[in-house]
């Protein structure tokens, strides 16, 4: 089965202490990342398949230095990128990994998650080979989905 367990995904996180502000690597102008198959307000059942899209740049595994590429991180039930939990403009969004952030450093473009019933927010953040968001940051709109019982 293609279920990605949080623990397995988090086990591949290889970084420590990364702040959620854009790094020194420039994104390609006009680059967008988005969730392909879900939209704000969707009601789904678990397991939930999430397809990642990026337009303007390519996907490459973490650690691969190739201009114009990066990889995805999925924020689950977190404040939108750039809005700290205490209202601050920036916050450490835990690239080390947690139940609220999954790192797709293998260059994955989809995942299947077992989410409990209820409302869940999802947001993609596209980051460079070192897991640092680009400048300017490339992130999807945050959406809310409801997982039915």
N, C-alpha and C. Protein backbone atom coordinates (compact mmCIF):
# COMPACT_ATOMS: atom_id res chain seq x y z
N UNK A 1 0.83 -1.17 0.00
CA UNK A 1 0.00 0.00 0.00
C UNK A 1 0.87 1.24 0.00
N UNK A 2 0.36 2.31 -0.56
CA UNK A 2 1.16 3.52 -0.70
C UNK A 2 1.02 4.46 0.49
N UNK A 3 0.45 3.96 1.58
CA UNK A 3 0.31 4.84 2.75
C UNK A 3 1.69 5.24 3.25
N UNK A 4 1.81 6.51 3.47
CA UNK A 4 3.07 6.99 4.02
C UNK A 4 2.79 7.31 5.47
N UNK A 5 3.42 6.58 6.33
CA UNK A 5 3.24 6.80 7.76
C UNK A 5 4.03 8.03 8.16
N UNK A 6 3.47 8.80 9.07
CA UNK A 6 4.16 10.00 9.52
C UNK A 6 5.56 9.66 9.99
N UNK A 7 5.71 8.63 10.77
CA UNK A 7 7.02 8.31 11.33
C UNK A 7 8.04 8.01 10.23
N UNK A 8 7.63 7.29 9.21
CA UNK A 8 8.57 6.97 8.12
C UNK A 8 8.97 8.21 7.36
N UNK A 9 7.98 9.06 7.07
CA UNK A 9 8.29 10.29 6.34
C UNK A 9 9.17 11.21 7.17
N UNK A 10 8.90 11.26 8.44
CA UNK A 10 9.68 12.15 9.29
C UNK A 10 11.07 11.61 9.53
N UNK A 11 11.23 10.30 9.48
CA UNK A 11 12.53 9.70 9.69
C UNK A 11 13.54 10.12 8.64
N UNK A 12 13.07 10.53 7.47
CA UNK A 12 14.00 10.94 6.42
C UNK A 12 14.36 12.42 6.51
N UNK A 13 13.74 13.12 7.42
CA UNK A 13 14.09 14.54 7.58
C UNK A 13 15.52 14.64 8.08
N UNK A 14 16.33 15.45 7.41
CA UNK A 14 17.76 15.46 7.69
C UNK A 14 18.27 16.81 8.15
N UNK A 15 17.40 17.71 8.51
CA UNK A 15 17.87 19.04 8.83
C UNK A 15 17.51 19.40 10.25
N UNK A 16 18.17 20.38 10.76
CA UNK A 16 17.89 20.83 12.13
C UNK A 16 17.79 22.34 12.15
N UNK A 17 16.77 22.84 12.82
CA UNK A 17 16.65 24.28 13.07
C UNK A 17 16.57 25.14 11.85
N UNK A 18 15.51 25.06 11.09
CA UNK A 18 15.36 25.89 9.91
C UNK A 18 14.22 26.86 10.12
N UNK A 19 14.46 28.11 9.93
CA UNK A 19 13.42 29.12 10.09
C UNK A 19 12.59 29.20 8.83
N UNK A 20 11.34 29.59 8.99
CA UNK A 20 10.40 29.62 7.88
C UNK A 20 10.44 30.95 7.17
N UNK A 21 11.59 31.34 6.76
CA UNK A 21 11.68 32.53 5.93
C UNK A 21 12.49 32.14 4.71
N UNK A 22 12.27 32.87 3.66
CA UNK A 22 12.92 32.53 2.40
C UNK A 22 14.43 32.60 2.53
N UNK A 23 15.09 31.72 1.82
CA UNK A 23 16.54 31.66 1.85
C UNK A 23 17.17 32.53 0.77
N UNK A 24 18.41 32.23 0.47
CA UNK A 24 19.16 33.01 -0.50
C UNK A 24 18.94 32.55 -1.94
N UNK A 25 18.43 31.35 -2.13
CA UNK A 25 18.25 30.84 -3.49
C UNK A 25 16.99 31.45 -4.10
N UNK A 26 17.14 32.03 -5.28
CA UNK A 26 15.95 32.62 -5.91
C UNK A 26 15.05 31.56 -6.54
N UNK A 27 13.76 31.77 -6.42
CA UNK A 27 12.82 30.94 -7.17
C UNK A 27 12.73 31.51 -8.58
N UNK A 28 12.31 30.68 -9.50
CA UNK A 28 12.08 31.14 -10.87
C UNK A 28 10.85 32.05 -10.84
N UNK A 29 10.93 33.25 -11.41
CA UNK A 29 9.78 34.15 -11.39
C UNK A 29 8.51 33.47 -11.91
N UNK A 30 7.43 33.66 -11.18
CA UNK A 30 6.14 33.09 -11.57
C UNK A 30 5.90 31.67 -11.10
N UNK A 31 6.84 31.09 -10.38
CA UNK A 31 6.67 29.71 -9.92
C UNK A 31 5.51 29.62 -8.95
N UNK A 32 4.73 28.56 -9.09
CA UNK A 32 3.59 28.29 -8.21
C UNK A 32 3.63 26.84 -7.79
N UNK A 33 3.22 26.56 -6.56
CA UNK A 33 2.97 25.18 -6.14
C UNK A 33 1.52 25.11 -5.68
N UNK A 34 0.92 23.94 -5.84
CA UNK A 34 -0.51 23.81 -5.57
C UNK A 34 -0.85 22.35 -5.32
N UNK A 35 -1.97 22.14 -4.67
CA UNK A 35 -2.51 20.80 -4.48
C UNK A 35 -3.42 20.54 -5.67
N UNK A 36 -3.09 19.51 -6.42
CA UNK A 36 -3.74 19.25 -7.71
C UNK A 36 -5.18 18.77 -7.56
N UNK A 37 -5.43 17.85 -6.66
CA UNK A 37 -6.68 17.11 -6.66
C UNK A 37 -7.67 17.51 -5.56
N UNK A 38 -7.30 18.46 -4.73
CA UNK A 38 -8.21 18.88 -3.66
C UNK A 38 -8.38 20.39 -3.70
N UNK A 39 -9.53 20.85 -3.26
CA UNK A 39 -9.74 22.29 -3.16
C UNK A 39 -10.35 22.62 -1.81
N UNK A 40 -10.27 23.87 -1.45
CA UNK A 40 -10.80 24.33 -0.17
C UNK A 40 -12.26 23.92 -0.04
N UNK A 41 -12.60 23.30 1.10
CA UNK A 41 -13.98 22.90 1.35
C UNK A 41 -14.32 21.48 0.96
N UNK A 42 -13.42 20.76 0.30
CA UNK A 42 -13.71 19.38 -0.10
C UNK A 42 -13.97 18.50 1.12
N UNK A 43 -14.89 17.56 0.95
CA UNK A 43 -15.15 16.52 1.95
C UNK A 43 -14.63 15.22 1.35
N UNK A 44 -13.73 14.55 2.09
CA UNK A 44 -13.07 13.35 1.59
C UNK A 44 -13.14 12.26 2.66
N UNK A 45 -12.76 11.05 2.26
CA UNK A 45 -12.64 9.97 3.24
C UNK A 45 -11.18 9.58 3.35
N UNK A 46 -10.84 8.99 4.48
CA UNK A 46 -9.46 8.56 4.72
C UNK A 46 -9.33 7.11 4.28
N UNK A 47 -8.22 6.74 3.68
CA UNK A 47 -7.00 7.52 3.45
C UNK A 47 -7.19 8.58 2.35
N UNK A 48 -6.45 9.68 2.48
CA UNK A 48 -6.57 10.82 1.58
C UNK A 48 -5.36 10.85 0.65
N UNK A 49 -5.62 10.83 -0.65
CA UNK A 49 -4.55 10.98 -1.64
C UNK A 49 -4.38 12.46 -1.92
N UNK A 50 -3.13 12.92 -1.88
CA UNK A 50 -2.82 14.32 -2.15
C UNK A 50 -1.78 14.37 -3.25
N UNK A 51 -2.10 15.05 -4.35
CA UNK A 51 -1.19 15.20 -5.48
C UNK A 51 -0.59 16.59 -5.44
N UNK A 52 0.74 16.67 -5.56
CA UNK A 52 1.45 17.95 -5.51
C UNK A 52 1.74 18.43 -6.92
N UNK A 53 1.53 19.72 -7.15
CA UNK A 53 1.87 20.31 -8.44
C UNK A 53 2.83 21.47 -8.26
N UNK A 54 3.66 21.68 -9.27
CA UNK A 54 4.52 22.85 -9.30
C UNK A 54 4.62 23.31 -10.74
N UNK A 55 4.53 24.62 -10.95
CA UNK A 55 4.59 25.20 -12.29
C UNK A 55 5.71 26.24 -12.27
N UNK A 56 6.64 26.14 -13.20
CA UNK A 56 7.72 27.11 -13.31
C UNK A 56 9.07 26.59 -12.86
N UNK A 57 9.07 25.51 -12.08
CA UNK A 57 10.31 24.88 -11.63
C UNK A 57 10.12 23.38 -11.70
N UNK A 58 11.20 22.64 -11.56
CA UNK A 58 11.16 21.19 -11.57
C UNK A 58 11.33 20.62 -10.18
N UNK A 59 11.07 19.33 -10.06
CA UNK A 59 11.20 18.62 -8.79
C UNK A 59 12.46 17.77 -8.84
N UNK A 60 13.26 17.84 -7.77
CA UNK A 60 14.45 17.02 -7.62
C UNK A 60 14.58 16.65 -6.15
N UNK A 61 15.18 15.51 -5.86
CA UNK A 61 15.36 15.13 -4.46
C UNK A 61 16.20 16.15 -3.68
N UNK A 62 15.99 16.20 -2.39
CA UNK A 62 16.80 17.04 -1.51
C UNK A 62 18.26 16.66 -1.69
N UNK A 63 19.12 17.65 -1.59
CA UNK A 63 20.55 17.40 -1.70
C UNK A 63 21.08 17.44 -3.12
N UNK A 64 20.20 17.47 -4.11
CA UNK A 64 20.62 17.53 -5.52
C UNK A 64 20.68 18.99 -5.93
N UNK A 65 21.86 19.45 -6.30
CA UNK A 65 22.03 20.85 -6.69
C UNK A 65 21.84 20.98 -8.19
N UNK A 66 20.67 21.42 -8.57
CA UNK A 66 20.33 21.66 -9.98
C UNK A 66 19.46 22.90 -10.03
N UNK A 67 19.92 23.91 -10.74
CA UNK A 67 19.17 25.16 -10.82
C UNK A 67 17.73 24.91 -11.26
N UNK A 68 16.82 25.67 -10.68
CA UNK A 68 15.41 25.61 -11.07
C UNK A 68 14.67 24.41 -10.53
N UNK A 69 15.21 23.75 -9.49
CA UNK A 69 14.52 22.60 -8.92
C UNK A 69 14.40 22.73 -7.41
N UNK A 70 13.50 21.97 -6.83
CA UNK A 70 13.31 21.90 -5.40
C UNK A 70 12.45 20.70 -5.06
N UNK A 71 11.98 20.65 -3.83
CA UNK A 71 11.11 19.55 -3.42
C UNK A 71 10.05 20.08 -2.46
N UNK A 72 9.02 19.25 -2.23
CA UNK A 72 7.84 19.66 -1.48
C UNK A 72 7.94 19.33 0.01
N UNK A 73 7.23 20.15 0.79
CA UNK A 73 6.97 19.92 2.20
C UNK A 73 5.48 20.19 2.39
N UNK A 74 4.81 19.35 3.17
CA UNK A 74 3.38 19.50 3.40
C UNK A 74 3.14 19.90 4.85
N UNK A 75 2.53 21.06 5.04
CA UNK A 75 2.14 21.53 6.36
C UNK A 75 0.70 21.10 6.60
N UNK A 76 0.47 20.43 7.73
CA UNK A 76 -0.86 19.93 8.08
C UNK A 76 -1.28 20.57 9.40
N UNK A 77 -2.42 21.23 9.38
CA UNK A 77 -2.96 21.85 10.59
C UNK A 77 -1.96 22.79 11.25
N UNK A 78 -1.33 23.62 10.43
CA UNK A 78 -0.39 24.64 10.89
C UNK A 78 -0.87 26.00 10.41
N UNK A 79 -0.44 27.07 11.05
CA UNK A 79 -0.76 28.40 10.51
C UNK A 79 -0.20 28.50 9.10
N UNK A 80 -0.81 29.31 8.24
CA UNK A 80 -0.27 29.48 6.89
C UNK A 80 1.18 29.94 6.94
N UNK A 81 1.95 29.53 5.96
CA UNK A 81 3.35 29.92 5.86
C UNK A 81 3.45 31.43 6.01
N UNK A 82 4.36 31.88 6.86
CA UNK A 82 4.57 33.29 7.06
C UNK A 82 3.70 33.91 8.14
N UNK A 83 2.79 33.11 8.72
CA UNK A 83 1.96 33.61 9.81
C UNK A 83 2.21 32.74 11.02
N UNK A 84 2.98 33.25 11.94
CA UNK A 84 3.34 32.49 13.13
C UNK A 84 2.15 32.21 14.02
N UNK A 85 2.33 31.22 14.86
CA UNK A 85 1.26 30.82 15.77
C UNK A 85 0.90 31.95 16.72
N UNK A 86 1.85 32.84 17.01
CA UNK A 86 1.57 33.96 17.91
C UNK A 86 1.31 35.25 17.13
N UNK A 87 1.06 35.14 15.83
CA UNK A 87 0.80 36.30 15.01
C UNK A 87 2.03 36.89 14.38
N UNK A 88 3.19 36.34 14.68
CA UNK A 88 4.43 36.83 14.09
C UNK A 88 4.41 36.59 12.59
N UNK A 89 5.13 37.40 11.85
CA UNK A 89 5.15 37.25 10.39
C UNK A 89 5.89 36.00 9.96
N UNK A 90 6.88 35.59 10.72
CA UNK A 90 7.65 34.40 10.37
C UNK A 90 7.71 33.49 11.58
N UNK A 91 7.85 32.22 11.33
CA UNK A 91 8.01 31.28 12.43
C UNK A 91 8.76 30.06 11.94
N UNK A 92 9.30 29.33 12.86
CA UNK A 92 10.01 28.10 12.52
C UNK A 92 8.96 27.05 12.24
N UNK A 93 8.83 26.65 10.99
CA UNK A 93 7.77 25.72 10.67
C UNK A 93 8.22 24.29 10.75
N UNK A 94 9.28 24.04 11.51
CA UNK A 94 9.61 22.69 11.93
C UNK A 94 10.08 21.77 10.84
N UNK A 95 11.00 22.23 10.00
CA UNK A 95 11.46 21.37 8.92
C UNK A 95 12.15 20.11 9.44
N UNK A 96 12.44 20.07 10.73
CA UNK A 96 12.99 18.85 11.33
C UNK A 96 11.94 17.75 11.23
N UNK A 97 10.71 18.11 11.22
CA UNK A 97 9.62 17.15 11.08
C UNK A 97 8.79 17.06 12.34
N UNK A 98 7.54 16.87 12.14
CA UNK A 98 6.59 16.71 13.23
C UNK A 98 5.34 16.09 12.61
N UNK A 99 4.35 15.86 13.44
CA UNK A 99 3.10 15.34 12.89
C UNK A 99 2.43 16.37 11.99
N UNK A 100 2.89 17.63 12.05
CA UNK A 100 2.28 18.69 11.28
C UNK A 100 3.06 19.08 10.03
N UNK A 101 4.18 18.41 9.79
CA UNK A 101 4.97 18.71 8.61
C UNK A 101 5.61 17.43 8.09
N UNK A 102 5.40 17.19 6.81
CA UNK A 102 6.02 16.01 6.19
C UNK A 102 6.93 16.50 5.08
N UNK A 103 8.12 15.97 5.09
CA UNK A 103 9.19 16.34 4.17
C UNK A 103 9.22 15.29 3.05
N UNK A 104 9.17 15.73 1.81
CA UNK A 104 9.20 14.83 0.65
C UNK A 104 10.51 15.02 -0.10
N UNK A 105 11.60 14.77 0.61
CA UNK A 105 12.95 14.97 0.08
C UNK A 105 13.35 14.00 -1.00
N UNK A 106 12.57 12.97 -1.23
CA UNK A 106 12.87 12.05 -2.31
C UNK A 106 12.37 12.55 -3.66
N UNK A 107 11.75 13.73 -3.65
CA UNK A 107 11.19 14.28 -4.89
C UNK A 107 9.78 13.78 -5.17
N UNK A 108 9.11 13.26 -4.15
CA UNK A 108 7.76 12.74 -4.34
C UNK A 108 6.80 13.85 -4.77
N UNK A 109 5.83 13.45 -5.57
CA UNK A 109 4.81 14.40 -6.03
C UNK A 109 3.41 13.97 -5.63
N UNK A 110 3.32 13.01 -4.74
CA UNK A 110 2.02 12.60 -4.20
C UNK A 110 2.24 11.85 -2.90
N UNK A 111 1.17 11.77 -2.11
CA UNK A 111 1.20 11.02 -0.87
C UNK A 111 -0.19 10.51 -0.58
N UNK A 112 -0.28 9.52 0.28
CA UNK A 112 -1.54 9.02 0.80
C UNK A 112 -1.43 9.05 2.32
N UNK A 113 -2.36 9.77 2.96
CA UNK A 113 -2.30 9.94 4.41
C UNK A 113 -3.56 9.41 5.08
N UNK A 114 -3.37 8.79 6.23
CA UNK A 114 -4.49 8.42 7.09
C UNK A 114 -4.74 9.59 8.02
N UNK A 115 -5.79 10.34 7.74
CA UNK A 115 -6.15 11.49 8.58
C UNK A 115 -7.42 11.17 9.35
N UNK A 116 -7.48 11.55 10.62
CA UNK A 116 -8.68 11.29 11.40
C UNK A 116 -9.85 12.14 10.92
N UNK A 117 -11.07 11.73 11.24
CA UNK A 117 -12.24 12.54 10.86
C UNK A 117 -12.14 13.95 11.43
N UNK A 118 -12.65 14.90 10.65
CA UNK A 118 -12.65 16.30 11.08
C UNK A 118 -12.02 17.20 10.04
N UNK A 119 -11.87 18.46 10.41
CA UNK A 119 -11.29 19.45 9.51
C UNK A 119 -9.76 19.43 9.61
N UNK A 120 -9.11 19.58 8.47
CA UNK A 120 -7.65 19.61 8.40
C UNK A 120 -7.22 20.67 7.39
N UNK A 121 -6.23 21.48 7.75
CA UNK A 121 -5.66 22.42 6.80
C UNK A 121 -4.43 21.80 6.15
N UNK A 122 -4.23 22.12 4.88
CA UNK A 122 -3.10 21.62 4.10
C UNK A 122 -2.46 22.79 3.36
N UNK A 123 -1.13 22.81 3.32
CA UNK A 123 -0.40 23.80 2.54
C UNK A 123 0.92 23.20 2.11
N UNK A 124 1.27 23.39 0.84
CA UNK A 124 2.56 22.97 0.32
C UNK A 124 3.55 24.11 0.39
N UNK A 125 4.80 23.77 0.70
CA UNK A 125 5.91 24.71 0.64
C UNK A 125 6.99 24.05 -0.21
N UNK A 126 7.47 24.74 -1.22
CA UNK A 126 8.49 24.23 -2.12
C UNK A 126 9.83 24.79 -1.66
N UNK A 127 10.80 23.91 -1.45
CA UNK A 127 12.08 24.34 -0.87
C UNK A 127 13.26 23.84 -1.70
N UNK A 128 14.41 24.45 -1.44
CA UNK A 128 15.62 24.11 -2.20
C UNK A 128 16.27 22.82 -1.71
N UNK A 129 17.42 22.50 -2.27
CA UNK A 129 18.11 21.26 -1.94
C UNK A 129 18.44 21.13 -0.47
N UNK A 130 18.53 22.26 0.24
CA UNK A 130 18.83 22.26 1.67
C UNK A 130 17.59 22.46 2.52
N UNK A 131 16.41 22.32 1.94
CA UNK A 131 15.13 22.41 2.65
C UNK A 131 14.78 23.84 3.05
N UNK A 132 15.40 24.82 2.44
CA UNK A 132 15.14 26.22 2.75
C UNK A 132 14.19 26.78 1.70
N UNK A 133 13.10 27.43 2.13
CA UNK A 133 12.20 28.05 1.16
C UNK A 133 12.95 29.03 0.26
N UNK A 134 12.49 29.11 -0.98
CA UNK A 134 13.11 30.00 -1.96
C UNK A 134 12.79 31.46 -1.65
N UNK A 135 13.48 32.35 -2.35
CA UNK A 135 13.23 33.79 -2.26
C UNK A 135 12.83 34.27 -3.65
N UNK A 136 11.62 34.72 -3.90
CA UNK A 136 10.54 34.72 -2.94
C UNK A 136 10.02 33.31 -2.69
N UNK A 137 9.35 33.16 -1.55
CA UNK A 137 8.83 31.86 -1.13
C UNK A 137 7.82 31.33 -2.15
N UNK A 138 7.83 30.01 -2.33
CA UNK A 138 6.89 29.34 -3.23
C UNK A 138 6.03 28.43 -2.36
N UNK A 139 4.79 28.84 -2.16
CA UNK A 139 3.90 28.07 -1.30
C UNK A 139 2.50 28.09 -1.89
N UNK A 140 1.74 27.05 -1.61
CA UNK A 140 0.36 26.99 -2.07
C UNK A 140 -0.52 27.80 -1.14
N UNK A 141 -1.74 28.05 -1.59
CA UNK A 141 -2.74 28.58 -0.69
C UNK A 141 -3.03 27.49 0.34
N UNK A 142 -3.32 27.89 1.55
CA UNK A 142 -3.75 26.92 2.55
C UNK A 142 -5.21 26.57 2.28
N UNK A 143 -5.53 25.28 2.26
CA UNK A 143 -6.91 24.85 2.09
C UNK A 143 -7.35 24.08 3.32
N UNK A 144 -8.66 24.01 3.49
CA UNK A 144 -9.25 23.19 4.57
C UNK A 144 -10.08 22.11 3.92
N UNK A 145 -9.82 20.87 4.31
CA UNK A 145 -10.63 19.74 3.87
C UNK A 145 -11.28 19.12 5.10
N UNK A 146 -12.39 18.43 4.88
CA UNK A 146 -13.05 17.71 5.96
C UNK A 146 -12.99 16.23 5.65
N UNK A 147 -12.45 15.48 6.59
CA UNK A 147 -12.42 14.02 6.47
C UNK A 147 -13.68 13.48 7.15
N UNK A 148 -14.50 12.78 6.38
CA UNK A 148 -15.76 12.26 6.91
C UNK A 148 -15.50 11.01 7.74
N UNK A 149 -16.47 10.69 8.58
CA UNK A 149 -16.33 9.51 9.44
C UNK A 149 -16.68 8.25 8.69
